[in-house]
Amino acid sequence: MTVFSALSDPTRMEMLDMIIGREEVGCAEFDDHFPLSKSTISYHTKILNAAGLIETRREGRLFFYRPNLEELRAEFPALVAQLTGSG
C-alpha cells in the first residue's frame, strides 16, 4: 500500500488527523467517533499501518495508534508539514 493510496480515502485522512492531533488514539475512540463497524475501522487502520503512516500498540484487547511520520518526513517533507499543520 502506498502512502498516497492510503491517504486517498476521507475516512483514513480523518483517522490520521485524529492520531496526529492527539499523538495516540485508542480503538474505542474510533468506535465512538465513526459510524462504522469495528471491522471497517480495523481495515482502515491496517491500511494506514501498511503505508507506514501509523504504529499500532496492543494493550490487552485494546489497540492504540500513534503517528509514524519520521520516514515520510525524509521523503515527503511538504506532505508531513501539511498533515501536521506545521507548514
N, C-alpha and C. Protein backbone atom coordinates (compact mmCIF):
# COMPACT_ATOMS: atom_id res chain seq x y z
N MET A 1 0.85 -1.18 0.00
CA MET A 1 0.00 0.00 0.00
C MET A 1 0.89 1.24 0.00
N THR A 2 0.62 2.14 -0.91
CA THR A 2 1.41 3.36 -0.95
C THR A 2 0.79 4.42 -0.04
N VAL A 3 1.60 5.38 0.32
CA VAL A 3 1.14 6.47 1.16
C VAL A 3 -0.02 7.19 0.51
N PHE A 4 0.10 7.45 -0.78
CA PHE A 4 -0.94 8.22 -1.45
C PHE A 4 -2.23 7.43 -1.59
N SER A 5 -2.15 6.12 -1.76
CA SER A 5 -3.35 5.29 -1.78
C SER A 5 -4.03 5.31 -0.41
N ALA A 6 -3.23 5.21 0.64
CA ALA A 6 -3.78 5.23 1.99
C ALA A 6 -4.47 6.56 2.29
N LEU A 7 -3.91 7.65 1.79
CA LEU A 7 -4.47 8.98 2.06
C LEU A 7 -5.59 9.36 1.12
N SER A 8 -5.90 8.51 0.16
CA SER A 8 -6.93 8.85 -0.81
C SER A 8 -8.35 8.69 -0.27
N ASP A 9 -8.49 8.07 0.88
CA ASP A 9 -9.81 7.86 1.47
C ASP A 9 -10.08 8.89 2.56
N PRO A 10 -11.23 9.57 2.51
CA PRO A 10 -11.52 10.61 3.50
C PRO A 10 -11.58 10.08 4.95
N THR A 11 -12.05 8.87 5.14
CA THR A 11 -12.10 8.30 6.48
C THR A 11 -10.70 8.10 7.03
N ARG A 12 -9.80 7.56 6.20
CA ARG A 12 -8.42 7.36 6.66
C ARG A 12 -7.73 8.69 6.92
N MET A 13 -8.02 9.69 6.11
CA MET A 13 -7.45 11.02 6.36
C MET A 13 -7.93 11.56 7.71
N GLU A 14 -9.21 11.39 8.00
CA GLU A 14 -9.75 11.86 9.28
C GLU A 14 -9.14 11.08 10.44
N MET A 15 -8.98 9.78 10.27
CA MET A 15 -8.34 8.97 11.31
C MET A 15 -6.91 9.43 11.56
N LEU A 16 -6.16 9.64 10.48
CA LEU A 16 -4.78 10.08 10.62
C LEU A 16 -4.72 11.46 11.28
N ASP A 17 -5.63 12.33 10.92
CA ASP A 17 -5.69 13.66 11.53
C ASP A 17 -5.94 13.55 13.04
N MET A 18 -6.84 12.66 13.44
CA MET A 18 -7.10 12.44 14.87
C MET A 18 -5.84 11.94 15.57
N ILE A 19 -5.17 10.98 14.95
CA ILE A 19 -3.98 10.38 15.55
C ILE A 19 -2.87 11.43 15.70
N ILE A 20 -2.65 12.20 14.66
CA ILE A 20 -1.61 13.24 14.72
C ILE A 20 -1.98 14.29 15.77
N GLY A 21 -3.23 14.69 15.82
CA GLY A 21 -3.67 15.72 16.75
C GLY A 21 -3.59 15.32 18.21
N ARG A 22 -3.75 14.05 18.48
CA ARG A 22 -3.77 13.58 19.87
C ARG A 22 -2.53 12.78 20.25
N GLU A 23 -1.67 12.52 19.31
CA GLU A 23 -0.43 11.75 19.48
C GLU A 23 -0.68 10.27 19.69
N GLU A 24 -1.82 9.89 20.24
CA GLU A 24 -2.20 8.48 20.35
C GLU A 24 -3.71 8.40 20.48
N VAL A 25 -4.31 7.47 19.75
CA VAL A 25 -5.75 7.28 19.77
C VAL A 25 -6.03 5.81 20.02
N GLY A 26 -6.95 5.54 20.93
CA GLY A 26 -7.37 4.17 21.20
C GLY A 26 -8.48 3.75 20.25
N CYS A 27 -8.59 2.46 20.04
CA CYS A 27 -9.60 1.94 19.11
C CYS A 27 -11.01 2.33 19.56
N ALA A 28 -11.25 2.43 20.86
CA ALA A 28 -12.58 2.80 21.35
C ALA A 28 -12.96 4.22 20.91
N GLU A 29 -11.97 5.10 20.79
CA GLU A 29 -12.26 6.46 20.32
C GLU A 29 -12.73 6.45 18.88
N PHE A 30 -12.14 5.59 18.07
CA PHE A 30 -12.60 5.46 16.69
C PHE A 30 -14.02 4.89 16.66
N ASP A 31 -14.28 3.90 17.51
CA ASP A 31 -15.61 3.30 17.57
C ASP A 31 -16.66 4.36 17.91
N ASP A 32 -16.31 5.27 18.83
CA ASP A 32 -17.24 6.32 19.24
C ASP A 32 -17.39 7.41 18.18
N HIS A 33 -16.33 7.68 17.44
CA HIS A 33 -16.32 8.82 16.51
C HIS A 33 -16.91 8.48 15.14
N PHE A 34 -16.62 7.30 14.64
CA PHE A 34 -17.03 6.94 13.27
C PHE A 34 -18.24 6.01 13.28
N PRO A 35 -19.21 6.28 12.42
CA PRO A 35 -20.38 5.40 12.33
C PRO A 35 -20.07 4.19 11.44
N LEU A 36 -19.03 3.45 11.82
CA LEU A 36 -18.57 2.31 11.02
C LEU A 36 -18.47 1.09 11.92
N SER A 37 -18.51 -0.08 11.30
CA SER A 37 -18.34 -1.31 12.06
C SER A 37 -16.89 -1.42 12.52
N LYS A 38 -16.68 -2.22 13.55
CA LYS A 38 -15.32 -2.42 14.06
C LYS A 38 -14.42 -3.02 12.98
N SER A 39 -14.97 -3.89 12.15
CA SER A 39 -14.15 -4.50 11.10
C SER A 39 -13.74 -3.47 10.05
N THR A 40 -14.59 -2.51 9.76
CA THR A 40 -14.24 -1.46 8.79
C THR A 40 -13.18 -0.54 9.38
N ILE A 41 -13.31 -0.20 10.64
CA ILE A 41 -12.29 0.62 11.31
C ILE A 41 -10.96 -0.11 11.29
N SER A 42 -10.98 -1.40 11.60
CA SER A 42 -9.77 -2.21 11.59
C SER A 42 -9.13 -2.23 10.20
N TYR A 43 -9.96 -2.35 9.18
CA TYR A 43 -9.48 -2.34 7.79
C TYR A 43 -8.73 -1.04 7.50
N HIS A 44 -9.32 0.08 7.88
CA HIS A 44 -8.70 1.38 7.61
C HIS A 44 -7.38 1.55 8.39
N THR A 45 -7.36 1.12 9.64
CA THR A 45 -6.12 1.25 10.41
C THR A 45 -5.03 0.33 9.86
N LYS A 46 -5.41 -0.83 9.35
CA LYS A 46 -4.41 -1.72 8.74
C LYS A 46 -3.80 -1.09 7.49
N ILE A 47 -4.59 -0.38 6.73
CA ILE A 47 -4.07 0.29 5.53
C ILE A 47 -3.12 1.42 5.93
N LEU A 48 -3.49 2.20 6.94
CA LEU A 48 -2.60 3.27 7.41
C LEU A 48 -1.30 2.69 7.95
N ASN A 49 -1.39 1.57 8.64
CA ASN A 49 -0.21 0.90 9.18
C ASN A 49 0.67 0.35 8.04
N ALA A 50 0.06 -0.29 7.06
CA ALA A 50 0.80 -0.86 5.94
C ALA A 50 1.53 0.22 5.14
N ALA A 51 0.96 1.41 5.10
CA ALA A 51 1.58 2.53 4.38
C ALA A 51 2.67 3.20 5.20
N GLY A 52 2.83 2.76 6.45
CA GLY A 52 3.86 3.33 7.31
C GLY A 52 3.48 4.65 7.95
N LEU A 53 2.20 4.99 7.94
CA LEU A 53 1.76 6.27 8.49
C LEU A 53 1.48 6.22 9.99
N ILE A 54 1.18 5.02 10.49
CA ILE A 54 0.91 4.88 11.92
C ILE A 54 1.62 3.64 12.46
N GLU A 55 1.76 3.62 13.78
CA GLU A 55 2.25 2.44 14.50
C GLU A 55 1.11 1.97 15.39
N THR A 56 1.03 0.66 15.57
CA THR A 56 -0.02 0.08 16.40
C THR A 56 0.60 -0.53 17.64
N ARG A 57 -0.03 -0.24 18.77
CA ARG A 57 0.40 -0.81 20.05
C ARG A 57 -0.79 -1.52 20.65
N ARG A 58 -0.55 -2.74 21.11
CA ARG A 58 -1.63 -3.52 21.71
C ARG A 58 -1.43 -3.58 23.22
N GLU A 59 -2.54 -3.37 23.92
CA GLU A 59 -2.54 -3.46 25.37
C GLU A 59 -3.76 -4.30 25.76
N GLY A 60 -3.53 -5.57 26.04
CA GLY A 60 -4.65 -6.48 26.29
C GLY A 60 -5.44 -6.67 25.02
N ARG A 61 -6.73 -6.37 25.09
CA ARG A 61 -7.59 -6.49 23.91
C ARG A 61 -7.73 -5.18 23.15
N LEU A 62 -7.11 -4.14 23.65
CA LEU A 62 -7.24 -2.81 23.04
C LEU A 62 -6.04 -2.49 22.16
N PHE A 63 -6.30 -1.71 21.13
CA PHE A 63 -5.25 -1.25 20.24
C PHE A 63 -5.16 0.26 20.34
N PHE A 64 -3.93 0.75 20.25
CA PHE A 64 -3.67 2.18 20.28
C PHE A 64 -2.82 2.54 19.08
N TYR A 65 -3.10 3.69 18.49
CA TYR A 65 -2.43 4.09 17.26
C TYR A 65 -1.69 5.40 17.47
N ARG A 66 -0.45 5.43 16.98
CA ARG A 66 0.40 6.63 17.05
C ARG A 66 0.86 6.99 15.65
N PRO A 67 1.14 8.28 15.42
CA PRO A 67 1.67 8.66 14.11
C PRO A 67 3.09 8.14 13.93
N ASN A 68 3.42 7.78 12.72
CA ASN A 68 4.76 7.31 12.37
C ASN A 68 5.19 8.07 11.13
N LEU A 69 5.64 9.29 11.33
CA LEU A 69 5.90 10.16 10.20
C LEU A 69 7.38 10.41 9.92
N GLU A 70 8.27 9.78 10.68
CA GLU A 70 9.70 10.05 10.52
C GLU A 70 10.22 9.65 9.13
N GLU A 71 9.89 8.44 8.68
CA GLU A 71 10.35 8.01 7.36
C GLU A 71 9.74 8.89 6.28
N LEU A 72 8.49 9.21 6.45
CA LEU A 72 7.79 10.05 5.48
C LEU A 72 8.41 11.44 5.42
N ARG A 73 8.83 11.94 6.58
CA ARG A 73 9.43 13.28 6.66
C ARG A 73 10.67 13.38 5.78
N ALA A 74 11.44 12.30 5.68
CA ALA A 74 12.65 12.30 4.87
C ALA A 74 12.33 12.37 3.38
N GLU A 75 11.27 11.67 2.95
CA GLU A 75 10.94 11.62 1.53
C GLU A 75 9.97 12.71 1.08
N PHE A 76 9.01 13.03 1.95
CA PHE A 76 7.96 13.98 1.58
C PHE A 76 7.77 15.03 2.67
N PRO A 77 8.77 15.89 2.88
CA PRO A 77 8.64 16.88 3.97
C PRO A 77 7.44 17.80 3.83
N ALA A 78 7.09 18.17 2.62
CA ALA A 78 5.96 19.07 2.44
C ALA A 78 4.63 18.37 2.80
N LEU A 79 4.53 17.09 2.50
CA LEU A 79 3.34 16.33 2.86
C LEU A 79 3.19 16.23 4.38
N VAL A 80 4.28 15.94 5.06
CA VAL A 80 4.23 15.85 6.52
C VAL A 80 3.89 17.21 7.13
N ALA A 81 4.43 18.27 6.59
CA ALA A 81 4.10 19.61 7.08
C ALA A 81 2.61 19.88 6.91
N GLN A 82 2.06 19.46 5.81
CA GLN A 82 0.60 19.63 5.57
C GLN A 82 -0.20 18.80 6.55
N LEU A 83 0.19 17.55 6.75
CA LEU A 83 -0.55 16.66 7.66
C LEU A 83 -0.49 17.12 9.10
N THR A 84 0.65 17.66 9.50
CA THR A 84 0.82 18.06 10.90
C THR A 84 0.47 19.52 11.14
N GLY A 85 0.21 20.27 10.09
CA GLY A 85 -0.11 21.68 10.24
C GLY A 85 1.08 22.54 10.58
N SER A 86 2.28 22.02 10.27
CA SER A 86 3.49 22.78 10.62
C SER A 86 4.11 23.49 9.41
N GLY A 87 3.34 23.60 8.37
CA GLY A 87 3.93 24.23 7.20
C GLY A 87 3.05 25.20 6.51
